[in-house]
Amino acid sequence: MTTEQEKSDLLESSQRKLNFLQTLKAVLWAMFGVRKGAGLKEDIAKLNPVYVILTGILFGVLFVGSLVLVVQWVVSSAAG
């Protein structure tokens, strides 16, 4: 069972300050590994975990879609 403190923490973390585009930018910078330690700590304090999960799903879909397109292109080039 969850306690009132856990519910409060979850509610607070889902209402953090950065919007989706800011979260997307922070995740992109983190993927390239160019964030400084202070920037990372600041992002962690402000990132909305819901947006981070949505960003991960978005990048997963884009990655799989791009792989499918590359494979289709290679197969059609080899067959032609």
Protein backbone atom coordinates (compact mmCIF):
# COMPACT_ATOMS: atom_id res chain seq x y z
CA MET A 1 0.00 0.00 0.00
CA THR A 2 1.12 3.54 -0.67
CA THR A 3 1.37 6.04 2.12
CA GLU A 4 0.17 9.60 2.03
CA GLN A 5 3.80 10.79 1.70
CA GLU A 6 4.34 8.61 -1.40
CA LYS A 7 1.11 9.92 -2.94
CA SER A 8 2.18 13.48 -2.20
CA ASP A 9 5.63 12.88 -3.73
CA LEU A 10 4.08 11.35 -6.86
CA LEU A 11 1.66 14.24 -7.24
CA GLU A 12 4.45 16.79 -6.77
CA SER A 13 6.72 15.09 -9.31
CA SER A 14 3.98 14.99 -11.93
CA GLN A 15 3.43 18.75 -11.59
CA ARG A 16 7.00 19.90 -12.14
CA LYS A 17 7.85 23.02 -14.06
CA LEU A 18 9.32 22.02 -17.44
CA ASN A 19 6.91 21.57 -20.34
CA PHE A 20 7.15 18.77 -22.91
CA LEU A 21 9.43 20.65 -25.34
CA GLN A 22 11.82 21.60 -22.55
CA THR A 23 11.86 17.98 -21.42
CA LEU A 24 12.54 16.89 -25.00
CA LYS A 25 15.46 19.31 -25.18
CA ALA A 26 16.89 18.06 -21.87
CA VAL A 27 16.62 14.43 -23.01
CA LEU A 28 18.29 15.21 -26.34
CA TRP A 29 21.19 16.96 -24.60
CA ALA A 30 21.51 14.01 -22.22
CA MET A 31 21.56 11.55 -25.13
CA PHE A 32 24.49 13.38 -26.66
CA GLY A 33 26.22 13.52 -23.30
CA VAL A 34 26.86 17.25 -23.30
CA ARG A 35 25.08 18.22 -20.08
CA LYS A 36 27.15 19.51 -17.19
CA GLY A 37 26.63 18.15 -13.71
CA ALA A 38 24.89 21.30 -12.49
CA GLY A 39 22.54 21.28 -15.49
CA LEU A 40 21.73 17.64 -14.92
CA LYS A 41 20.87 18.22 -11.27
CA GLU A 42 18.70 21.18 -12.24
CA ASP A 43 16.89 19.12 -14.88
CA ILE A 44 16.29 16.26 -12.46
CA ALA A 45 14.68 18.68 -10.03
CA LYS A 46 12.41 20.16 -12.71
CA LEU A 47 11.65 17.31 -15.14
CA ASN A 48 8.18 15.86 -15.18
CA PRO A 49 8.51 12.05 -15.15
CA VAL A 50 5.41 11.66 -17.32
CA TYR A 51 7.04 13.74 -20.05
CA VAL A 52 10.27 11.74 -19.75
CA ILE A 53 8.33 8.50 -20.30
CA LEU A 54 6.44 9.99 -23.27
CA THR A 55 9.74 11.20 -24.74
CA GLY A 56 11.20 7.71 -24.39
CA ILE A 57 8.21 6.17 -26.14
CA LEU A 58 8.43 8.78 -28.90
CA PHE A 59 12.12 8.11 -29.50
CA GLY A 60 11.51 4.36 -29.44
CA VAL A 61 8.82 4.66 -32.12
CA LEU A 62 10.99 6.96 -34.24
CA PHE A 63 13.97 4.61 -33.92
CA VAL A 64 12.01 1.51 -34.93
CA GLY A 65 10.33 3.42 -37.77
CA SER A 66 13.66 4.62 -39.12
CA LEU A 67 15.08 1.08 -38.96
CA VAL A 68 12.08 -0.25 -40.90
CA LEU A 69 12.54 2.44 -43.56
CA VAL A 70 16.27 1.72 -43.90
CA VAL A 71 15.65 -2.02 -44.23
CA GLN A 72 12.96 -1.46 -46.84
CA TRP A 73 15.29 0.83 -48.78
CA VAL A 74 18.16 -1.69 -48.65
CA VAL A 75 15.94 -4.59 -49.69
CA SER A 76 14.40 -2.64 -52.57
CA SER A 77 17.87 -1.51 -53.73
CA ALA A 78 19.22 -5.06 -53.67
CA ALA A 79 16.21 -6.50 -55.51
CA GLY A 80 16.23 -3.89 -58.24
